[in-house]
């Protein structure tokens, strides 16, 4: 399989991976946002997603923080209504 070499396709992949994390880890996400421990609670899952992302995209795209932005946009932003010490 060829590596993804366009930024738009890499963004879509990052968001798809983050969406899967959101779908399968709702309780952990709510707990993590509520306690400001999201990245500790989901560290294994987030790292697994990042490894998958990096294996599928060209190295120059992997270094652009597209995956990290997708994690914030998909896992954190929609849960802004949850009480948290973050906000």
C-alpha atoms as a PDB file:
ATOM      1  CA  UNK A   1       0.000   0.000   0.000  1.00  0.00           C
ATOM      2  CA  UNK A   2       1.349   3.401  -0.990  1.00  0.00           C
ATOM      3  CA  UNK A   3       1.862   6.061   1.649  1.00  0.00           C
ATOM      4  CA  UNK A   4      -0.587   8.942   1.783  1.00  0.00           C
ATOM      5  CA  UNK A   5       1.185  11.939   0.306  1.00  0.00           C
ATOM      6  CA  UNK A   6      -1.372  14.740   0.366  1.00  0.00           C
ATOM      7  CA  UNK A   7      -2.121  16.840   3.419  1.00  0.00           C
ATOM      8  CA  UNK A   8      -5.892  16.627   2.896  1.00  0.00           C
ATOM      9  CA  UNK A   9      -5.856  12.811   2.808  1.00  0.00           C
ATOM     10  CA  UNK A  10      -3.581  12.733   5.857  1.00  0.00           C
ATOM     11  CA  UNK A  11      -6.013  15.006   7.727  1.00  0.00           C
ATOM     12  CA  UNK A  12      -8.912  12.706   6.826  1.00  0.00           C
ATOM     13  CA  UNK A  13      -6.982   9.679   8.086  1.00  0.00           C
ATOM     14  CA  UNK A  14      -6.072  11.460  11.329  1.00  0.00           C
ATOM     15  CA  UNK A  15      -9.698  12.427  11.922  1.00  0.00           C
ATOM     16  CA  UNK A  16     -10.889   8.892  11.143  1.00  0.00           C
ATOM     17  CA  UNK A  17      -8.470   7.438  13.679  1.00  0.00           C
ATOM     18  CA  UNK A  18      -9.474  10.043  16.269  1.00  0.00           C
ATOM     19  CA  UNK A  19     -13.151   9.313  15.549  1.00  0.00           C
ATOM     20  CA  UNK A  20     -12.561   5.632  16.244  1.00  0.00           C
ATOM     21  CA  UNK A  21     -10.877   6.560  19.519  1.00  0.00           C
ATOM     22  CA  UNK A  22     -13.890   8.663  20.414  1.00  0.00           C
ATOM     23  CA  UNK A  23     -16.388   5.979  19.458  1.00  0.00           C
ATOM     24  CA  UNK A  24     -14.766   3.197  21.448  1.00  0.00           C
ATOM     25  CA  UNK A  25     -13.553   5.151  24.494  1.00  0.00           C
ATOM     26  CA  UNK A  26     -16.363   7.521  25.485  1.00  0.00           C
ATOM     27  CA  UNK A  27     -16.227   6.705  29.206  1.00  0.00           C
ATOM     28  CA  UNK A  28     -12.458   7.164  29.376  1.00  0.00           C
ATOM     29  CA  UNK A  29     -12.712  10.448  27.488  1.00  0.00           C
ATOM     30  CA  UNK A  30     -15.364  11.851  29.823  1.00  0.00           C
ATOM     31  CA  UNK A  31     -13.297  10.740  32.818  1.00  0.00           C
ATOM     32  CA  UNK A  32     -10.126  12.223  31.347  1.00  0.00           C
ATOM     33  CA  UNK A  33     -11.707  15.568  30.486  1.00  0.00           C
ATOM     34  CA  UNK A  34     -13.447  15.744  33.876  1.00  0.00           C
ATOM     35  CA  UNK A  35     -10.224  15.091  35.776  1.00  0.00           C
ATOM     36  CA  UNK A  36      -7.779  16.772  33.372  1.00  0.00           C
ATOM     37  CA  UNK A  37      -6.123  13.382  32.806  1.00  0.00           C
ATOM     38  CA  UNK A  38      -7.241  12.651  29.256  1.00  0.00           C
ATOM     39  CA  UNK A  39      -3.767  12.085  27.875  1.00  0.00           C
ATOM     40  CA  UNK A  40      -2.832   9.798  30.761  1.00  0.00           C
ATOM     41  CA  UNK A  41      -6.089   7.811  30.644  1.00  0.00           C
ATOM     42  CA  UNK A  42      -5.891   7.317  26.871  1.00  0.00           C
ATOM     43  CA  UNK A  43      -2.115   7.288  26.448  1.00  0.00           C
ATOM     44  CA  UNK A  44      -1.982   3.750  25.087  1.00  0.00           C
ATOM     45  CA  UNK A  45      -4.851   4.254  22.646  1.00  0.00           C
ATOM     46  CA  UNK A  46      -3.596   7.647  21.466  1.00  0.00           C
ATOM     47  CA  UNK A  47      -0.098   6.247  20.897  1.00  0.00           C
ATOM     48  CA  UNK A  48      -1.487   3.255  19.014  1.00  0.00           C
ATOM     49  CA  UNK A  49      -3.445   5.639  16.766  1.00  0.00           C
ATOM     50  CA  UNK A  50      -0.373   7.798  16.216  1.00  0.00           C
ATOM     51  CA  UNK A  51       1.698   4.764  15.267  1.00  0.00           C
ATOM     52  CA  UNK A  52      -0.965   3.736  12.752  1.00  0.00           C
ATOM     53  CA  UNK A  53      -1.128   7.271  11.351  1.00  0.00           C
ATOM     54  CA  UNK A  54       2.654   7.488  10.979  1.00  0.00           C
ATOM     55  CA  UNK A  55       2.777   4.118   9.226  1.00  0.00           C
ATOM     56  CA  UNK A  56       0.262   5.240   6.608  1.00  0.00           C
ATOM     57  CA  UNK A  57       1.474   8.756   5.701  1.00  0.00           C
ATOM     58  CA  UNK A  58       4.633  10.161   4.148  1.00  0.00           C
ATOM     59  CA  UNK A  59       7.222  11.192   6.768  1.00  0.00           C
ATOM     60  CA  UNK A  60       6.957  14.906   5.955  1.00  0.00           C
ATOM     61  CA  UNK A  61       3.214  14.785   6.691  1.00  0.00           C
ATOM     62  CA  UNK A  62       3.652  12.718   9.846  1.00  0.00           C
ATOM     63  CA  UNK A  63       5.755  15.516  11.316  1.00  0.00           C
ATOM     64  CA  UNK A  64       3.078  18.229  10.808  1.00  0.00           C
ATOM     65  CA  UNK A  65       1.062  17.461  13.981  1.00  0.00           C
ATOM     66  CA  UNK A  66      -2.020  16.576  11.934  1.00  0.00           C
ATOM     67  CA  UNK A  67      -2.803  13.632  14.177  1.00  0.00           C
ATOM     68  CA  UNK A  68      -2.440  15.659  17.367  1.00  0.00           C
ATOM     69  CA  UNK A  69      -4.756  18.361  16.004  1.00  0.00           C
ATOM     70  CA  UNK A  70      -7.338  15.732  15.085  1.00  0.00           C
ATOM     71  CA  UNK A  71      -7.201  14.291  18.603  1.00  0.00           C
ATOM     72  CA  UNK A  72      -7.932  17.719  20.073  1.00  0.00           C
ATOM     73  CA  UNK A  73     -10.648  18.524  17.521  1.00  0.00           C
ATOM     74  CA  UNK A  74     -12.424  15.176  17.813  1.00  0.00           C
ATOM     75  CA  UNK A  75     -11.854  14.110  21.426  1.00  0.00           C
ATOM     76  CA  UNK A  76     -11.748  17.372  23.373  1.00  0.00           C
ATOM     77  CA  UNK A  77     -13.565  20.150  21.519  1.00  0.00           C
ATOM     78  CA  UNK A  78     -16.970  18.385  21.366  1.00  0.00           C
ATOM     79  CA  UNK A  79     -16.808  17.785  25.106  1.00  0.00           C
ATOM     80  CA  UNK A  80     -16.448  21.417  26.113  1.00  0.00           C
ATOM     81  CA  UNK A  81     -19.682  21.125  28.078  1.00  0.00           C
ATOM     82  CA  UNK A  82     -18.105  18.704  30.568  1.00  0.00           C
ATOM     83  CA  UNK A  83     -16.990  20.339  33.825  1.00  0.00           C
ATOM     84  CA  UNK A  84     -13.199  20.318  33.885  1.00  0.00           C
ATOM     85  CA  UNK A  85     -10.311  22.122  35.557  1.00  0.00           C
ATOM     86  CA  UNK A  86      -9.141  22.837  32.007  1.00  0.00           C
ATOM     87  CA  UNK A  87     -11.795  25.531  31.566  1.00  0.00           C
END
